[in-house]
Amino acid sequence: MQTISILTKQDLDDFKNDLLEEIKEIFNTLKINQDELLKSSEVQTLLKISSGTLQNYRLNGTLPFKKIGGTLYYKYGDIEKLLVGNK
């Protein structure tokens, strides 16, 4: 017999907040400067998102970026603002 668990919106909000706090702790342990530029692959790893999701963030203006040569860079401070804004 299977047991069915019911999740409430509050459960999901609590999970989201806990996850955001863990991500912030990871950022803090990395001691990244607010103005430090991160490459796309580094942002994907930190946020645990795909390249397509990162592209969507760029296209819809969610995450500002700079293109230097052929490489895209993102400010750590902008990534932190994104996380705090989604809280």
N, C-alpha and C. Protein backbone atom coordinates (compact mmCIF):
# COMPACT_ATOMS: atom_id res chain seq x y z
N MET A 1 0.84 -1.17 0.00
CA MET A 1 0.00 0.00 0.00
C MET A 1 0.90 1.25 0.00
N GLN A 2 0.59 2.20 -0.85
CA GLN A 2 1.36 3.43 -0.94
C GLN A 2 0.76 4.51 -0.04
N THR A 3 1.65 5.27 0.55
CA THR A 3 1.22 6.40 1.36
C THR A 3 1.31 7.66 0.51
N ILE A 4 0.29 8.46 0.54
CA ILE A 4 0.27 9.70 -0.23
C ILE A 4 0.58 10.86 0.71
N SER A 5 1.58 11.66 0.31
CA SER A 5 1.93 12.85 1.08
C SER A 5 1.38 14.07 0.36
N ILE A 6 0.83 14.97 1.13
CA ILE A 6 0.28 16.19 0.56
C ILE A 6 1.18 17.35 0.95
N LEU A 7 1.61 18.11 -0.07
CA LEU A 7 2.44 19.28 0.16
C LEU A 7 1.58 20.53 0.05
N THR A 8 1.76 21.41 0.98
CA THR A 8 1.02 22.67 0.93
C THR A 8 1.89 23.74 0.29
N LYS A 9 1.30 24.86 -0.04
CA LYS A 9 2.06 25.98 -0.58
C LYS A 9 3.10 26.44 0.44
N GLN A 10 2.74 26.42 1.70
CA GLN A 10 3.68 26.80 2.76
C GLN A 10 4.88 25.86 2.78
N ASP A 11 4.65 24.55 2.59
CA ASP A 11 5.75 23.59 2.53
C ASP A 11 6.71 23.95 1.40
N LEU A 12 6.16 24.29 0.24
CA LEU A 12 6.99 24.65 -0.90
C LEU A 12 7.73 25.97 -0.67
N ASP A 13 7.05 26.94 -0.06
CA ASP A 13 7.71 28.20 0.26
C ASP A 13 8.86 27.99 1.25
N ASP A 14 8.64 27.16 2.24
CA ASP A 14 9.69 26.85 3.22
C ASP A 14 10.89 26.18 2.54
N PHE A 15 10.59 25.24 1.63
CA PHE A 15 11.66 24.55 0.90
C PHE A 15 12.45 25.55 0.06
N LYS A 16 11.75 26.45 -0.64
CA LYS A 16 12.41 27.46 -1.48
C LYS A 16 13.31 28.34 -0.63
N ASN A 17 12.81 28.80 0.51
CA ASN A 17 13.60 29.67 1.38
C ASN A 17 14.83 28.95 1.92
N ASP A 18 14.66 27.69 2.31
CA ASP A 18 15.80 26.91 2.79
C ASP A 18 16.84 26.74 1.69
N LEU A 19 16.38 26.46 0.47
CA LEU A 19 17.29 26.28 -0.65
C LEU A 19 18.04 27.56 -0.96
N LEU A 20 17.34 28.69 -0.94
CA LEU A 20 18.01 29.97 -1.19
C LEU A 20 19.06 30.27 -0.13
N GLU A 21 18.75 29.95 1.11
CA GLU A 21 19.73 30.17 2.18
C GLU A 21 20.97 29.31 1.97
N GLU A 22 20.78 28.07 1.53
CA GLU A 22 21.92 27.18 1.27
C GLU A 22 22.77 27.72 0.13
N ILE A 23 22.13 28.23 -0.91
CA ILE A 23 22.87 28.79 -2.04
C ILE A 23 23.66 30.02 -1.60
N LYS A 24 23.04 30.86 -0.77
CA LYS A 24 23.75 32.04 -0.25
C LYS A 24 24.96 31.62 0.56
N GLU A 25 24.83 30.58 1.36
CA GLU A 25 25.96 30.10 2.16
C GLU A 25 27.09 29.62 1.26
N ILE A 26 26.73 28.95 0.16
CA ILE A 26 27.75 28.50 -0.79
C ILE A 26 28.47 29.69 -1.38
N PHE A 27 27.72 30.72 -1.79
CA PHE A 27 28.34 31.93 -2.31
C PHE A 27 29.28 32.55 -1.28
N ASN A 28 28.84 32.61 -0.04
CA ASN A 28 29.65 33.22 1.01
C ASN A 28 30.94 32.44 1.25
N THR A 29 30.88 31.13 1.18
CA THR A 29 32.09 30.33 1.40
C THR A 29 33.06 30.49 0.23
N LEU A 30 32.53 30.82 -0.95
CA LEU A 30 33.41 31.02 -2.10
C LEU A 30 34.11 32.37 -2.04
N LYS A 31 33.61 33.27 -1.18
CA LYS A 31 34.17 34.60 -1.00
C LYS A 31 34.33 35.32 -2.34
N ILE A 32 33.25 35.37 -3.09
CA ILE A 32 33.25 36.03 -4.38
C ILE A 32 33.00 37.52 -4.19
N ASN A 33 33.79 38.35 -4.82
CA ASN A 33 33.63 39.79 -4.79
C ASN A 33 32.36 40.15 -5.57
N GLN A 34 31.61 41.16 -5.08
CA GLN A 34 30.36 41.59 -5.72
C GLN A 34 30.55 41.96 -7.19
N ASP A 35 31.70 42.53 -7.54
CA ASP A 35 31.96 42.96 -8.91
C ASP A 35 32.67 41.91 -9.74
N GLU A 36 32.98 40.78 -9.13
CA GLU A 36 33.69 39.73 -9.86
C GLU A 36 32.81 39.22 -11.00
N LEU A 37 33.44 38.99 -12.14
CA LEU A 37 32.72 38.49 -13.30
C LEU A 37 32.84 36.97 -13.37
N LEU A 38 31.72 36.33 -13.60
CA LEU A 38 31.68 34.88 -13.72
C LEU A 38 31.30 34.49 -15.14
N LYS A 39 31.88 33.42 -15.64
CA LYS A 39 31.53 32.93 -16.97
C LYS A 39 30.21 32.16 -16.90
N SER A 40 29.62 31.96 -18.06
CA SER A 40 28.33 31.26 -18.14
C SER A 40 28.38 29.90 -17.44
N SER A 41 29.43 29.14 -17.69
CA SER A 41 29.52 27.80 -17.10
C SER A 41 29.56 27.87 -15.57
N GLU A 42 30.22 28.89 -15.03
CA GLU A 42 30.29 29.05 -13.58
C GLU A 42 28.91 29.41 -13.01
N VAL A 43 28.19 30.27 -13.72
CA VAL A 43 26.84 30.66 -13.27
C VAL A 43 25.91 29.45 -13.31
N GLN A 44 26.01 28.66 -14.37
CA GLN A 44 25.17 27.46 -14.49
C GLN A 44 25.45 26.50 -13.33
N THR A 45 26.70 26.33 -13.00
CA THR A 45 27.07 25.43 -11.91
C THR A 45 26.55 25.95 -10.57
N LEU A 46 26.74 27.25 -10.32
CA LEU A 46 26.32 27.83 -9.04
C LEU A 46 24.80 27.78 -8.87
N LEU A 47 24.07 28.09 -9.95
CA LEU A 47 22.61 28.14 -9.85
C LEU A 47 21.96 26.80 -10.16
N LYS A 48 22.78 25.84 -10.62
CA LYS A 48 22.27 24.52 -11.02
C LYS A 48 21.15 24.67 -12.06
N ILE A 49 21.49 25.40 -13.13
CA ILE A 49 20.55 25.61 -14.23
C ILE A 49 21.21 25.20 -15.54
N SER A 50 20.39 24.99 -16.54
CA SER A 50 20.90 24.60 -17.86
C SER A 50 21.33 25.83 -18.64
N SER A 51 22.02 25.59 -19.74
CA SER A 51 22.42 26.70 -20.60
C SER A 51 21.20 27.38 -21.21
N GLY A 52 20.15 26.61 -21.48
CA GLY A 52 18.91 27.17 -22.01
C GLY A 52 18.23 28.11 -21.03
N THR A 53 18.21 27.73 -19.76
CA THR A 53 17.62 28.59 -18.73
C THR A 53 18.42 29.87 -18.60
N LEU A 54 19.75 29.75 -18.63
CA LEU A 54 20.59 30.94 -18.55
C LEU A 54 20.35 31.85 -19.76
N GLN A 55 20.19 31.25 -20.92
CA GLN A 55 19.89 32.03 -22.12
C GLN A 55 18.55 32.77 -21.96
N ASN A 56 17.56 32.08 -21.42
CA ASN A 56 16.26 32.74 -21.17
C ASN A 56 16.41 33.91 -20.22
N TYR A 57 17.23 33.77 -19.17
CA TYR A 57 17.48 34.86 -18.24
C TYR A 57 18.10 36.06 -18.96
N ARG A 58 19.00 35.78 -19.91
CA ARG A 58 19.61 36.87 -20.68
C ARG A 58 18.58 37.53 -21.59
N LEU A 59 17.82 36.71 -22.32
CA LEU A 59 16.88 37.24 -23.30
C LEU A 59 15.76 38.07 -22.68
N ASN A 60 15.26 37.64 -21.52
CA ASN A 60 14.15 38.38 -20.91
C ASN A 60 14.63 39.44 -19.92
N GLY A 61 15.94 39.64 -19.83
CA GLY A 61 16.49 40.70 -19.00
C GLY A 61 16.55 40.38 -17.51
N THR A 62 16.32 39.13 -17.16
CA THR A 62 16.36 38.73 -15.75
C THR A 62 17.77 38.84 -15.18
N LEU A 63 18.77 38.52 -16.00
CA LEU A 63 20.15 38.54 -15.54
C LEU A 63 21.01 39.32 -16.53
N PRO A 64 21.48 40.51 -16.11
CA PRO A 64 22.35 41.31 -17.00
C PRO A 64 23.67 40.58 -17.27
N PHE A 65 24.25 40.87 -18.42
CA PHE A 65 25.51 40.23 -18.79
C PHE A 65 26.34 41.19 -19.63
N LYS A 66 27.61 40.84 -19.78
CA LYS A 66 28.51 41.58 -20.66
C LYS A 66 29.16 40.58 -21.58
N LYS A 67 29.29 40.96 -22.84
CA LYS A 67 29.98 40.10 -23.79
C LYS A 67 31.33 40.73 -24.09
N ILE A 68 32.37 40.01 -23.76
CA ILE A 68 33.73 40.47 -24.01
C ILE A 68 34.38 39.44 -24.92
N GLY A 69 34.71 39.89 -26.12
CA GLY A 69 35.16 38.94 -27.12
C GLY A 69 33.99 38.03 -27.45
N GLY A 70 34.18 36.75 -27.36
CA GLY A 70 33.08 35.81 -27.59
C GLY A 70 32.55 35.20 -26.32
N THR A 71 32.95 35.73 -25.18
CA THR A 71 32.58 35.14 -23.89
C THR A 71 31.60 36.03 -23.15
N LEU A 72 30.58 35.40 -22.57
CA LEU A 72 29.59 36.11 -21.78
C LEU A 72 30.00 36.08 -20.31
N TYR A 73 29.87 37.24 -19.65
CA TYR A 73 30.21 37.35 -18.23
C TYR A 73 29.03 37.94 -17.46
N TYR A 74 28.93 37.54 -16.19
CA TYR A 74 27.85 37.98 -15.30
C TYR A 74 28.48 38.44 -14.00
N LYS A 75 27.97 39.56 -13.46
CA LYS A 75 28.45 40.04 -12.16
C LYS A 75 27.84 39.19 -11.06
N TYR A 76 28.67 38.83 -10.10
CA TYR A 76 28.19 38.07 -8.95
C TYR A 76 27.07 38.83 -8.23
N GLY A 77 27.23 40.15 -8.10
CA GLY A 77 26.21 40.97 -7.42
C GLY A 77 24.85 40.86 -8.10
N ASP A 78 24.84 40.77 -9.43
CA ASP A 78 23.57 40.63 -10.16
C ASP A 78 22.94 39.26 -9.89
N ILE A 79 23.77 38.25 -9.77
CA ILE A 79 23.26 36.90 -9.48
C ILE A 79 22.66 36.88 -8.08
N GLU A 80 23.33 37.53 -7.14
CA GLU A 80 22.82 37.58 -5.77
C GLU A 80 21.49 38.33 -5.73
N LYS A 81 21.38 39.44 -6.47
CA LYS A 81 20.12 40.19 -6.54
C LYS A 81 19.00 39.32 -7.09
N LEU A 82 19.32 38.50 -8.10
CA LEU A 82 18.33 37.59 -8.68
C LEU A 82 17.82 36.63 -7.62
N LEU A 83 18.73 36.08 -6.83
CA LEU A 83 18.33 35.13 -5.79
C LEU A 83 17.49 35.80 -4.72
N VAL A 84 17.91 36.97 -4.28
CA VAL A 84 17.17 37.69 -3.24
C VAL A 84 15.81 38.12 -3.76
N GLY A 85 15.75 38.53 -5.00
CA GLY A 85 14.48 38.98 -5.60
C GLY A 85 13.48 37.85 -5.74
N ASN A 86 13.95 36.62 -5.89
CA ASN A 86 13.05 35.48 -6.04
C ASN A 86 12.59 34.91 -4.72
N LYS A 87 13.08 35.48 -3.63
CA LYS A 87 12.74 34.96 -2.30
C LYS A 87 11.36 35.27 -1.92
